[in-house]
Amino acid sequence: MTDYQEQLTEIKANNQKLFASAGAAGNGFRQLHREAIQAGALDSKTKELQAIAISVAMRCEGCIVQHVKSALKLGASRDELVETINVAIMMGGGPATVYGGKALACADEFFQK
């Protein structure tokens, strides 16, 4: 069983080291992330759900963990996550079912904490 909180902690630590070494490129990525997720025509929760769908379809487990945690902080429900995962599976095919399962397991773990 994966400990998603432990994985999230490791991802954040690795990102901090990377961005500290990457200089302007790292700062640029962080700024892009802040601007992209900021509420506008779409609210931030919807944007995080979109990021989850793309993470599942692209098969990026680290992205899944980070965006699931963020979506839950913004009030995403389990039903919203399931529907998001369904769209990702539609777009990503069979491999997305594996990563969709990971996204749901991650959410279930974070819901319990």
PDB file of N, CA and C in Angstrom:
ATOM      1  N   MET A   1       0.843  -1.178   0.000  1.00  0.00           N
ATOM      2  CA  MET A   1       0.000   0.000   0.000  1.00  0.00           C
ATOM      3  C   MET A   1       0.891   1.244   0.000  1.00  0.00           C
ATOM      4  N   THR A   2       0.588   2.166  -0.846  1.00  0.00           N
ATOM      5  CA  THR A   2       1.349   3.405  -0.945  1.00  0.00           C
ATOM      6  C   THR A   2       0.930   4.365   0.151  1.00  0.00           C
ATOM      7  N   ASP A   3       1.910   5.029   0.753  1.00  0.00           N
ATOM      8  CA  ASP A   3       1.634   6.092   1.709  1.00  0.00           C
ATOM      9  C   ASP A   3       1.755   7.393   0.929  1.00  0.00           C
ATOM     10  N   TYR A   4       0.614   7.928   0.511  1.00  0.00           N
ATOM     11  CA  TYR A   4       0.614   9.109  -0.347  1.00  0.00           C
ATOM     12  C   TYR A   4       1.096  10.357   0.382  1.00  0.00           C
ATOM     13  N   GLN A   5       0.845  10.449   1.681  1.00  0.00           N
ATOM     14  CA  GLN A   5       1.347  11.601   2.433  1.00  0.00           C
ATOM     15  C   GLN A   5       2.875  11.585   2.446  1.00  0.00           C
ATOM     16  N   GLU A   6       3.450  10.418   2.649  1.00  0.00           N
ATOM     17  CA  GLU A   6       4.912  10.287   2.618  1.00  0.00           C
ATOM     18  C   GLU A   6       5.448  10.635   1.228  1.00  0.00           C
ATOM     19  N   GLN A   7       4.768  10.160   0.209  1.00  0.00           N
ATOM     20  CA  GLN A   7       5.172  10.456  -1.165  1.00  0.00           C
ATOM     21  C   GLN A   7       5.081  11.968  -1.428  1.00  0.00           C
ATOM     22  N   LEU A   8       4.018  12.615  -0.952  1.00  0.00           N
ATOM     23  CA  LEU A   8       3.857  14.057  -1.136  1.00  0.00           C
ATOM     24  C   LEU A   8       4.991  14.816  -0.451  1.00  0.00           C
ATOM     25  N   THR A   9       5.353  14.408   0.751  1.00  0.00           N
ATOM     26  CA  THR A   9       6.451  15.050   1.471  1.00  0.00           C
ATOM     27  C   THR A   9       7.750  14.928   0.688  1.00  0.00           C
ATOM     28  N   GLU A  10       8.015  13.751   0.145  1.00  0.00           N
ATOM     29  CA  GLU A  10       9.234  13.535  -0.644  1.00  0.00           C
ATOM     30  C   GLU A  10       9.221  14.377  -1.927  1.00  0.00           C
ATOM     31  N   ILE A  11       8.089  14.427  -2.599  1.00  0.00           N
ATOM     32  CA  ILE A  11       7.974  15.219  -3.831  1.00  0.00           C
ATOM     33  C   ILE A  11       8.253  16.688  -3.540  1.00  0.00           C
ATOM     34  N   LYS A  12       7.657  17.203  -2.469  1.00  0.00           N
ATOM     35  CA  LYS A  12       7.858  18.613  -2.117  1.00  0.00           C
ATOM     36  C   LYS A  12       9.323  18.892  -1.806  1.00  0.00           C
ATOM     37  N   ALA A  13       9.973  18.002  -1.068  1.00  0.00           N
ATOM     38  CA  ALA A  13      11.390  18.184  -0.741  1.00  0.00           C
ATOM     39  C   ALA A  13      12.239  18.166  -2.016  1.00  0.00           C
ATOM     40  N   ASN A  14      11.968  17.229  -2.898  1.00  0.00           N
ATOM     41  CA  ASN A  14      12.709  17.143  -4.157  1.00  0.00           C
ATOM     42  C   ASN A  14      12.476  18.385  -5.010  1.00  0.00           C
ATOM     43  N   ASN A  15      11.240  18.864  -5.057  1.00  0.00           N
ATOM     44  CA  ASN A  15      10.937  20.067  -5.843  1.00  0.00           C
ATOM     45  C   ASN A  15      11.666  21.280  -5.286  1.00  0.00           C
ATOM     46  N   GLN A  16      11.712  21.403  -3.968  1.00  0.00           N
ATOM     47  CA  GLN A  16      12.415  22.539  -3.360  1.00  0.00           C
ATOM     48  C   GLN A  16      13.888  22.532  -3.762  1.00  0.00           C
ATOM     49  N   LYS A  17      14.512  21.361  -3.706  1.00  0.00           N
ATOM     50  CA  LYS A  17      15.921  21.250  -4.095  1.00  0.00           C
ATOM     51  C   LYS A  17      16.103  21.580  -5.575  1.00  0.00           C
ATOM     52  N   LEU A  18      15.211  21.046  -6.402  1.00  0.00           N
ATOM     53  CA  LEU A  18      15.301  21.297  -7.837  1.00  0.00           C
ATOM     54  C   LEU A  18      15.137  22.778  -8.142  1.00  0.00           C
ATOM     55  N   PHE A  19      14.084  23.388  -7.603  1.00  0.00           N
ATOM     56  CA  PHE A  19      13.812  24.789  -7.911  1.00  0.00           C
ATOM     57  C   PHE A  19      14.894  25.709  -7.346  1.00  0.00           C
ATOM     58  N   ALA A  20      15.493  25.340  -6.214  1.00  0.00           N
ATOM     59  CA  ALA A  20      16.594  26.134  -5.675  1.00  0.00           C
ATOM     60  C   ALA A  20      17.795  26.099  -6.613  1.00  0.00           C
ATOM     61  N   SER A  21      17.986  24.977  -7.281  1.00  0.00           N
ATOM     62  CA  SER A  21      19.105  24.830  -8.218  1.00  0.00           C
ATOM     63  C   SER A  21      18.782  25.375  -9.606  1.00  0.00           C
ATOM     64  N   ALA A  22      17.518  25.430  -9.949  1.00  0.00           N
ATOM     65  CA  ALA A  22      17.110  25.792 -11.309  1.00  0.00           C
ATOM     66  C   ALA A  22      17.053  27.294 -11.546  1.00  0.00           C
ATOM     67  N   GLY A  23      17.165  28.076 -10.498  1.00  0.00           N
ATOM     68  CA  GLY A  23      17.189  29.535 -10.654  1.00  0.00           C
ATOM     69  C   GLY A  23      15.940  30.091 -11.299  1.00  0.00           C
ATOM     70  N   ALA A  24      16.143  30.909 -12.323  1.00  0.00           N
ATOM     71  CA  ALA A  24      15.027  31.601 -12.981  1.00  0.00           C
ATOM     72  C   ALA A  24      14.034  30.620 -13.593  1.00  0.00           C
ATOM     73  N   ALA A  25      14.518  29.504 -14.107  1.00  0.00           N
ATOM     74  CA  ALA A  25      13.609  28.517 -14.703  1.00  0.00           C
ATOM     75  C   ALA A  25      12.679  27.934 -13.640  1.00  0.00           C
ATOM     76  N   GLY A  26      13.224  27.616 -12.468  1.00  0.00           N
ATOM     77  CA  GLY A  26      12.405  27.099 -11.373  1.00  0.00           C
ATOM     78  C   GLY A  26      11.403  28.127 -10.892  1.00  0.00           C
ATOM     79  N   ASN A  27      11.868  29.363 -10.738  1.00  0.00           N
ATOM     80  CA  ASN A  27      10.960  30.437 -10.321  1.00  0.00           C
ATOM     81  C   ASN A  27       9.878  30.674 -11.364  1.00  0.00           C
ATOM     82  N   GLY A  28      10.240  30.568 -12.630  1.00  0.00           N
ATOM     83  CA  GLY A  28       9.270  30.745 -13.708  1.00  0.00           C
ATOM     84  C   GLY A  28       8.195  29.674 -13.672  1.00  0.00           C
ATOM     85  N   PHE A  29       8.595  28.432 -13.407  1.00  0.00           N
ATOM     86  CA  PHE A  29       7.605  27.364 -13.334  1.00  0.00           C
ATOM     87  C   PHE A  29       6.660  27.580 -12.165  1.00  0.00           C
ATOM     88  N   ARG A  30       7.215  27.949 -11.017  1.00  0.00           N
ATOM     89  CA  ARG A  30       6.355  28.194  -9.851  1.00  0.00           C
ATOM     90  C   ARG A  30       5.381  29.339 -10.114  1.00  0.00           C
ATOM     91  N   GLN A  31       5.836  30.382 -10.780  1.00  0.00           N
ATOM     92  CA  GLN A  31       4.960  31.506 -11.122  1.00  0.00           C
ATOM     93  C   GLN A  31       3.873  31.057 -12.098  1.00  0.00           C
ATOM     94  N   LEU A  32       4.251  30.261 -13.086  1.00  0.00           N
ATOM     95  CA  LEU A  32       3.274  29.717 -14.039  1.00  0.00           C
ATOM     96  C   LEU A  32       2.201  28.937 -13.296  1.00  0.00           C
ATOM     97  N   HIS A  33       2.619  28.094 -12.358  1.00  0.00           N
ATOM     98  CA  HIS A  33       1.672  27.296 -11.586  1.00  0.00           C
ATOM     99  C   HIS A  33       0.716  28.194 -10.805  1.00  0.00           C
ATOM    100  N   ARG A  34       1.260  29.180 -10.099  1.00  0.00           N
ATOM    101  CA  ARG A  34       0.404  30.087  -9.321  1.00  0.00           C
ATOM    102  C   ARG A  34      -0.613  30.795 -10.210  1.00  0.00           C
ATOM    103  N   GLU A  35      -0.168  31.301 -11.342  1.00  0.00           N
ATOM    104  CA  GLU A  35      -1.054  32.030 -12.251  1.00  0.00           C
ATOM    105  C   GLU A  35      -2.100  31.100 -12.874  1.00  0.00           C
ATOM    106  N   ALA A  36      -1.693  29.910 -13.252  1.00  0.00           N
ATOM    107  CA  ALA A  36      -2.611  28.977 -13.909  1.00  0.00           C
ATOM    108  C   ALA A  36      -3.716  28.501 -12.968  1.00  0.00           C
ATOM    109  N   ILE A  37      -3.400  28.306 -11.710  1.00  0.00           N
ATOM    110  CA  ILE A  37      -4.367  27.777 -10.743  1.00  0.00           C
ATOM    111  C   ILE A  37      -5.228  28.884 -10.136  1.00  0.00           C
ATOM    112  N   GLN A  38      -4.788  30.119 -10.225  1.00  0.00           N
ATOM    113  CA  GLN A  38      -5.540  31.243  -9.655  1.00  0.00           C
ATOM    114  C   GLN A  38      -6.938  31.315 -10.264  1.00  0.00           C
ATOM    115  N   ALA A  39      -7.915  31.605  -9.429  1.00  0.00           N
ATOM    116  CA  ALA A  39      -9.297  31.704  -9.904  1.00  0.00           C
ATOM    117  C   ALA A  39      -9.427  32.812 -10.938  1.00  0.00           C
ATOM    118  N   GLY A  40     -10.190  32.524 -11.947  1.00  0.00           N
ATOM    119  CA  GLY A  40     -10.506  33.480 -13.005  1.00  0.00           C
ATOM    120  C   GLY A  40     -11.886  33.108 -13.527  1.00  0.00           C
ATOM    121  N   ALA A  41     -12.001  32.863 -14.823  1.00  0.00           N
ATOM    122  CA  ALA A  41     -13.267  32.392 -15.379  1.00  0.00           C
ATOM    123  C   ALA A  41     -13.637  31.036 -14.773  1.00  0.00           C
ATOM    124  N   LEU A  42     -12.612  30.244 -14.416  1.00  0.00           N
ATOM    125  CA  LEU A  42     -12.810  28.981 -13.701  1.00  0.00           C
ATOM    126  C   LEU A  42     -12.274  29.139 -12.290  1.00  0.00           C
ATOM    127  N   ASP A  43     -12.947  28.525 -11.328  1.00  0.00           N
ATOM    128  CA  ASP A  43     -12.446  28.592  -9.958  1.00  0.00           C
ATOM    129  C   ASP A  43     -11.251  27.651  -9.796  1.00  0.00           C
ATOM    130  N   SER A  44     -10.489  27.859  -8.748  1.00  0.00           N
ATOM    131  CA  SER A  44      -9.261  27.091  -8.520  1.00  0.00           C
ATOM    132  C   SER A  44      -9.526  25.601  -8.338  1.00  0.00           C
ATOM    133  N   LYS A  45     -10.628  25.244  -7.696  1.00  0.00           N
ATOM    134  CA  LYS A  45     -10.935  23.820  -7.506  1.00  0.00           C
ATOM    135  C   LYS A  45     -11.126  23.138  -8.858  1.00  0.00           C
ATOM    136  N   THR A  46     -11.854  23.775  -9.754  1.00  0.00           N
ATOM    137  CA  THR A  46     -12.072  23.210 -11.091  1.00  0.00           C
ATOM    138  C   THR A  46     -10.742  23.035 -11.813  1.00  0.00           C
ATOM    139  N   LYS A  47      -9.857  24.005 -11.681  1.00  0.00           N
ATOM    140  CA  LYS A  47      -8.551  23.916 -12.330  1.00  0.00           C
ATOM    141  C   LYS A  47      -7.720  22.778 -11.744  1.00  0.00           C
ATOM    142  N   GLU A  48      -7.810  22.564 -10.435  1.00  0.00           N
ATOM    143  CA  GLU A  48      -7.094  21.437  -9.829  1.00  0.00           C
ATOM    144  C   GLU A  48      -7.674  20.103 -10.313  1.00  0.00           C
ATOM    145  N   LEU A  49      -8.996  20.041 -10.460  1.00  0.00           N
ATOM    146  CA  LEU A  49      -9.610  18.824 -10.996  1.00  0.00           C
ATOM    147  C   LEU A  49      -9.138  18.578 -12.429  1.00  0.00           C
ATOM    148  N   GLN A  50      -9.008  19.637 -13.214  1.00  0.00           N
ATOM    149  CA  GLN A  50      -8.475  19.494 -14.568  1.00  0.00           C
ATOM    150  C   GLN A  50      -7.044  18.957 -14.511  1.00  0.00           C
ATOM    151  N   ALA A  51      -6.257  19.475 -13.594  1.00  0.00           N
ATOM    152  CA  ALA A  51      -4.873  19.013 -13.452  1.00  0.00           C
ATOM    153  C   ALA A  51      -4.829  17.536 -13.075  1.00  0.00           C
ATOM    154  N   ILE A  52      -5.767  17.094 -12.252  1.00  0.00           N
ATOM    155  CA  ILE A  52      -5.833  15.664 -11.909  1.00  0.00           C
ATOM    156  C   ILE A  52      -6.133  14.839 -13.152  1.00  0.00           C
ATOM    157  N   ALA A  53      -7.111  15.271 -13.937  1.00  0.00           N
ATOM    158  CA  ALA A  53      -7.461  14.527 -15.159  1.00  0.00           C
ATOM    159  C   ALA A  53      -6.260  14.412 -16.084  1.00  0.00           C
ATOM    160  N   ILE A  54      -5.547  15.492 -16.262  1.00  0.00           N
ATOM    161  CA  ILE A  54      -4.365  15.466 -17.132  1.00  0.00           C
ATOM    162  C   ILE A  54      -3.276  14.591 -16.518  1.00  0.00           C
ATOM    163  N   SER A  55      -3.101  14.668 -15.211  1.00  0.00           N
ATOM    164  CA  SER A  55      -2.094  13.842 -14.531  1.00  0.00           C
ATOM    165  C   SER A  55      -2.377  12.355 -14.709  1.00  0.00           C
ATOM    166  N   VAL A  56      -3.649  11.983 -14.601  1.00  0.00           N
ATOM    167  CA  VAL A  56      -4.033  10.583 -14.788  1.00  0.00           C
ATOM    168  C   VAL A  56      -3.788  10.163 -16.234  1.00  0.00           C
ATOM    169  N   ALA A  57      -4.242  10.971 -17.182  1.00  0.00           N
ATOM    170  CA  ALA A  57      -4.082  10.632 -18.597  1.00  0.00           C
ATOM    171  C   ALA A  57      -2.606  10.585 -19.002  1.00  0.00           C
ATOM    172  N   MET A  58      -1.777  11.445 -18.385  1.00  0.00           N
ATOM    173  CA  MET A  58      -0.341  11.491 -18.695  1.00  0.00           C
ATOM    174  C   MET A  58       0.462  10.483 -17.872  1.00  0.00           C
ATOM    175  N   ARG A  59      -0.197   9.854 -16.886  1.00  0.00           N
ATOM    176  CA  ARG A  59       0.426   8.843 -16.030  1.00  0.00           C
ATOM    177  C   ARG A  59       1.564   9.396 -15.182  1.00  0.00           C
ATOM    178  N   CYS A  60       1.291  10.525 -14.520  1.00  0.00           N
ATOM    179  CA  CYS A  60       2.277  11.164 -13.635  1.00  0.00           C
ATOM    180  C   CYS A  60       1.807  11.028 -12.192  1.00  0.00           C
ATOM    181  N   GLU A  61       2.312  10.006 -11.505  1.00  0.00           N
ATOM    182  CA  GLU A  61       1.854   9.746 -10.142  1.00  0.00           C
ATOM    183  C   GLU A  61       2.179  10.901  -9.197  1.00  0.00           C
ATOM    184  N   GLY A  62       3.354  11.492  -9.323  1.00  0.00           N
ATOM    185  CA  GLY A  62       3.703  12.626  -8.477  1.00  0.00           C
ATOM    186  C   GLY A  62       2.754  13.796  -8.676  1.00  0.00           C
ATOM    187  N   CYS A  63       2.369  14.030  -9.923  1.00  0.00           N
ATOM    188  CA  CYS A  63       1.408  15.101 -10.218  1.00  0.00           C
ATOM    189  C   CYS A  63       0.052  14.789  -9.602  1.00  0.00           C
ATOM    190  N   ILE A  64      -0.349  13.527  -9.694  1.00  0.00           N
ATOM    191  CA  ILE A  64      -1.628  13.102  -9.116  1.00  0.00           C
ATOM    192  C   ILE A  64      -1.653  13.428  -7.629  1.00  0.00           C
ATOM    193  N   VAL A  65      -0.611  13.029  -6.922  1.00  0.00           N
ATOM    194  CA  VAL A  65      -0.570  13.210  -5.468  1.00  0.00           C
ATOM    195  C   VAL A  65      -0.680  14.696  -5.112  1.00  0.00           C
ATOM    196  N   GLN A  66       0.098  15.528  -5.786  1.00  0.00           N
ATOM    197  CA  GLN A  66       0.088  16.957  -5.471  1.00  0.00           C
ATOM    198  C   GLN A  66      -1.256  17.606  -5.792  1.00  0.00           C
ATOM    199  N   HIS A  67      -1.832  17.273  -6.943  1.00  0.00           N
ATOM    200  CA  HIS A  67      -3.076  17.934  -7.341  1.00  0.00           C
ATOM    201  C   HIS A  67      -4.294  17.377  -6.597  1.00  0.00           C
ATOM    202  N   VAL A  68      -4.267  16.104  -6.220  1.00  0.00           N
ATOM    203  CA  VAL A  68      -5.355  15.578  -5.388  1.00  0.00           C
ATOM    204  C   VAL A  68      -5.358  16.307  -4.050  1.00  0.00           C
ATOM    205  N   LYS A  69      -4.193  16.440  -3.436  1.00  0.00           N
ATOM    206  CA  LYS A  69      -4.119  17.124  -2.149  1.00  0.00           C
ATOM    207  C   LYS A  69      -4.632  18.561  -2.278  1.00  0.00           C
ATOM    208  N   SER A  70      -4.213  19.248  -3.322  1.00  0.00           N
ATOM    209  CA  SER A  70      -4.652  20.632  -3.530  1.00  0.00           C
ATOM    210  C   SER A  70      -6.155  20.719  -3.777  1.00  0.00           C
ATOM    211  N   ALA A  71      -6.690  19.798  -4.579  1.00  0.00           N
ATOM    212  CA  ALA A  71      -8.129  19.808  -4.867  1.00  0.00           C
ATOM    213  C   ALA A  71      -8.940  19.565  -3.598  1.00  0.00           C
ATOM    214  N   LEU A  72      -8.471  18.663  -2.753  1.00  0.00           N
ATOM    215  CA  LEU A  72      -9.183  18.400  -1.505  1.00  0.00           C
ATOM    216  C   LEU A  72      -9.151  19.616  -0.590  1.00  0.00           C
ATOM    217  N   LYS A  73      -8.011  20.301  -0.540  1.00  0.00           N
ATOM    218  CA  LYS A  73      -7.925  21.525   0.269  1.00  0.00           C
ATOM    219  C   LYS A  73      -8.919  22.574  -0.217  1.00  0.00           C
ATOM    220  N   LEU A  74      -9.217  22.540  -1.507  1.00  0.00           N
ATOM    221  CA  LEU A  74     -10.152  23.504  -2.089  1.00  0.00           C
ATOM    222  C   LEU A  74     -11.598  23.019  -2.037  1.00  0.00           C
ATOM    223  N   GLY A  75     -11.834  21.869  -1.393  1.00  0.00           N
ATOM    224  CA  GLY A  75     -13.192  21.397  -1.170  1.00  0.00           C
ATOM    225  C   GLY A  75     -13.722  20.379  -2.155  1.00  0.00           C
ATOM    226  N   ALA A  76     -12.850  19.794  -2.981  1.00  0.00           N
ATOM    227  CA  ALA A  76     -13.322  18.777  -3.927  1.00  0.00           C
ATOM    228  C   ALA A  76     -13.875  17.573  -3.169  1.00  0.00           C
ATOM    229  N   SER A  77     -14.971  17.048  -3.664  1.00  0.00           N
ATOM    230  CA  SER A  77     -15.586  15.865  -3.057  1.00  0.00           C
ATOM    231  C   SER A  77     -15.074  14.608  -3.750  1.00  0.00           C
ATOM    232  N   ARG A  78     -15.319  13.466  -3.121  1.00  0.00           N
ATOM    233  CA  ARG A  78     -14.941  12.193  -3.733  1.00  0.00           C
ATOM    234  C   ARG A  78     -15.696  12.001  -5.044  1.00  0.00           C
ATOM    235  N   ASP A  79     -16.976  12.372  -5.082  1.00  0.00           N
ATOM    236  CA  ASP A  79     -17.763  12.240  -6.315  1.00  0.00           C
ATOM    237  C   ASP A  79     -17.171  13.092  -7.433  1.00  0.00           C
ATOM    238  N   GLU A  80     -16.718  14.307  -7.112  1.00  0.00           N
ATOM    239  CA  GLU A  80     -16.086  15.144  -8.138  1.00  0.00           C
ATOM    240  C   GLU A  80     -14.800  14.505  -8.644  1.00  0.00           C
ATOM    241  N   LEU A  81     -14.039  13.900  -7.732  1.00  0.00           N
ATOM    242  CA  LEU A  81     -12.811  13.219  -8.145  1.00  0.00           C
ATOM    243  C   LEU A  81     -13.112  12.034  -9.046  1.00  0.00           C
ATOM    244  N   VAL A  82     -14.125  11.253  -8.696  1.00  0.00           N
ATOM    245  CA  VAL A  82     -14.490  10.100  -9.522  1.00  0.00           C
ATOM    246  C   VAL A  82     -14.890  10.550 -10.926  1.00  0.00           C
ATOM    247  N   GLU A  83     -15.695  11.591 -11.029  1.00  0.00           N
ATOM    248  CA  GLU A  83     -16.092  12.084 -12.356  1.00  0.00           C
ATOM    249  C   GLU A  83     -14.886  12.620 -13.132  1.00  0.00           C
ATOM    250  N   THR A  84     -13.974  13.280 -12.432  1.00  0.00           N
ATOM    251  CA  THR A  84     -12.745  13.763 -13.063  1.00  0.00           C
ATOM    252  C   THR A  84     -11.932  12.589 -13.596  1.00  0.00           C
ATOM    253  N   ILE A  85     -11.807  11.544 -12.796  1.00  0.00           N
ATOM    254  CA  ILE A  85     -11.066  10.351 -13.203  1.00  0.00           C
ATOM    255  C   ILE A  85     -11.748   9.687 -14.400  1.00  0.00           C
ATOM    256  N   ASN A  86     -13.073   9.666 -14.412  1.00  0.00           N
ATOM    257  CA  ASN A  86     -13.799   9.097 -15.556  1.00  0.00           C
ATOM    258  C   ASN A  86     -13.451   9.818 -16.858  1.00  0.00           C
ATOM    259  N   VAL A  87     -13.369  11.143 -16.810  1.00  0.00           N
ATOM    260  CA  VAL A  87     -12.995  11.910 -18.008  1.00  0.00           C
ATOM    261  C   VAL A  87     -11.564  11.574 -18.404  1.00  0.00           C
ATOM    262  N   ALA A  88     -10.684  11.456 -17.431  1.00  0.00           N
ATOM    263  CA  ALA A  88      -9.288  11.109 -17.721  1.00  0.00           C
ATOM    264  C   ALA A  88      -9.189   9.742 -18.380  1.00  0.00           C
ATOM    265  N   ILE A  89      -9.976   8.790 -17.912  1.00  0.00           N
ATOM    266  CA  ILE A  89      -9.968   7.447 -18.503  1.00  0.00           C
ATOM    267  C   ILE A  89     -10.495   7.497 -19.934  1.00  0.00           C
ATOM    268  N   MET A  90     -11.542   8.285 -20.155  1.00  0.00           N
ATOM    269  CA  MET A  90     -12.068   8.444 -21.510  1.00  0.00           C
ATOM    270  C   MET A  90     -10.962   8.948 -22.442  1.00  0.00           C
ATOM    271  N   MET A  91     -10.156   9.903 -21.972  1.00  0.00           N
ATOM    272  CA  MET A  91      -9.118  10.504 -22.801  1.00  0.00           C
ATOM    273  C   MET A  91      -7.834   9.682 -22.827  1.00  0.00           C
ATOM    274  N   GLY A  92      -7.550   8.947 -21.749  1.00  0.00           N
ATOM    275  CA  GLY A  92      -6.274   8.246 -21.631  1.00  0.00           C
ATOM    276  C   GLY A  92      -6.328   6.750 -21.876  1.00  0.00           C
ATOM    277  N   GLY A  93      -7.521   6.182 -22.012  1.00  0.00           N
ATOM    278  CA  GLY A  93      -7.646   4.757 -22.287  1.00  0.00           C
ATOM    279  C   GLY A  93      -7.269   3.880 -21.106  1.00  0.00           C
ATOM    280  N   GLY A  94      -6.943   2.629 -21.421  1.00  0.00           N
ATOM    281  CA  GLY A  94      -6.647   1.614 -20.409  1.00  0.00           C
ATOM    282  C   GLY A  94      -5.589   2.013 -19.394  1.00  0.00           C
ATOM    283  N   PRO A  95      -4.436   2.576 -19.839  1.00  0.00           N
ATOM    284  CA  PRO A  95      -3.436   2.962 -18.844  1.00  0.00           C
ATOM    285  C   PRO A  95      -3.969   3.972 -17.828  1.00  0.00           C
ATOM    286  N   ALA A  96      -4.904   4.800 -18.225  1.00  0.00           N
ATOM    287  CA  ALA A  96      -5.464   5.779 -17.295  1.00  0.00           C
ATOM    288  C   ALA A  96      -6.280   5.103 -16.197  1.00  0.00           C
ATOM    289  N   THR A  97      -6.769   3.877 -16.433  1.00  0.00           N
ATOM    290  CA  THR A  97      -7.495   3.185 -15.367  1.00  0.00           C
ATOM    291  C   THR A  97      -6.556   2.857 -14.212  1.00  0.00           C
ATOM    292  N   VAL A  98      -5.296   2.534 -14.517  1.00  0.00           N
ATOM    293  CA  VAL A  98      -4.313   2.240 -13.476  1.00  0.00           C
ATOM    294  C   VAL A  98      -4.047   3.499 -12.654  1.00  0.00           C
ATOM    295  N   TYR A  99      -3.811   4.599 -13.331  1.00  0.00           N
ATOM    296  CA  TYR A  99      -3.490   5.841 -12.640  1.00  0.00           C
ATOM    297  C   TYR A  99      -4.733   6.488 -12.040  1.00  0.00           C
ATOM    298  N   GLY A 100      -5.888   6.251 -12.613  1.00  0.00           N
ATOM    299  CA  GLY A 100      -7.128   6.699 -12.003  1.00  0.00           C
ATOM    300  C   GLY A 100      -7.352   6.003 -10.672  1.00  0.00           C
ATOM    301  N   GLY A 101      -7.040   4.712 -10.631  1.00  0.00           N
ATOM    302  CA  GLY A 101      -7.124   3.978  -9.369  1.00  0.00           C
ATOM    303  C   GLY A 101      -6.181   4.542  -8.324  1.00  0.00           C
ATOM    304  N   LYS A 102      -4.982   4.924  -8.760  1.00  0.00           N
ATOM    305  CA  LYS A 102      -4.025   5.548  -7.850  1.00  0.00           C
ATOM    306  C   LYS A 102      -4.560   6.882  -7.336  1.00  0.00           C
ATOM    307  N   ALA A 103      -5.157   7.674  -8.214  1.00  0.00           N
ATOM    308  CA  ALA A 103      -5.705   8.964  -7.808  1.00  0.00           C
ATOM    309  C   ALA A 103      -6.806   8.789  -6.772  1.00  0.00           C
ATOM    310  N   LEU A 104      -7.673   7.815  -6.977  1.00  0.00           N
ATOM    311  CA  LEU A 104      -8.761   7.589  -6.034  1.00  0.00           C
ATOM    312  C   LEU A 104      -8.232   7.055  -4.705  1.00  0.00           C
ATOM    313  N   ALA A 105      -7.254   6.152  -4.742  1.00  0.00           N
ATOM    314  CA  ALA A 105      -6.642   5.646  -3.506  1.00  0.00           C
ATOM    315  C   ALA A 105      -5.965   6.775  -2.746  1.00  0.00           C
ATOM    316  N   CYS A 106      -5.304   7.659  -3.473  1.00  0.00           N
ATOM    317  CA  CYS A 106      -4.661   8.822  -2.876  1.00  0.00           C
ATOM    318  C   CYS A 106      -5.708   9.700  -2.183  1.00  0.00           C
ATOM    319  N   ALA A 107      -6.780   9.993  -2.871  1.00  0.00           N
ATOM    320  CA  ALA A 107      -7.845  10.826  -2.301  1.00  0.00           C
ATOM    321  C   ALA A 107      -8.426  10.164  -1.059  1.00  0.00           C
ATOM    322  N   ASP A 108      -8.689   8.867  -1.143  1.00  0.00           N
ATOM    323  CA  ASP A 108      -9.263   8.163   0.001  1.00  0.00           C
ATOM    324  C   ASP A 108      -8.332   8.243   1.215  1.00  0.00           C
ATOM    325  N   GLU A 109      -7.022   8.121   0.977  1.00  0.00           N
ATOM    326  CA  GLU A 109      -6.072   8.246   2.087  1.00  0.00           C
ATOM    327  C   GLU A 109      -6.121   9.656   2.685  1.00  0.00           C
ATOM    328  N   PHE A 110      -6.114  10.670   1.831  1.00  0.00           N
ATOM    329  CA  PHE A 110      -6.128  12.040   2.336  1.00  0.00           C
ATOM    330  C   PHE A 110      -7.465  12.373   3.015  1.00  0.00           C
ATOM    331  N   PHE A 111      -8.567  11.820   2.524  1.00  0.00           N
ATOM    332  CA  PHE A 111      -9.857  12.055   3.185  1.00  0.00           C
ATOM    333  C   PHE A 111      -9.841  11.523   4.618  1.00  0.00           C
ATOM    334  N   GLN A 112      -9.096  10.436   4.860  1.00  0.00           N
ATOM    335  CA  GLN A 112      -9.064   9.815   6.183  1.00  0.00           C
ATOM    336  C   GLN A 112      -8.204  10.601   7.165  1.00  0.00           C
ATOM    337  N   LYS A 113      -7.316  11.459   6.673  1.00  0.00           N
ATOM    338  CA  LYS A 113      -6.384  12.178   7.569  1.00  0.00           C
ATOM    339  C   LYS A 113      -6.925  13.514   7.960  1.00  0.00           C
TER     340      LYS A 113
END
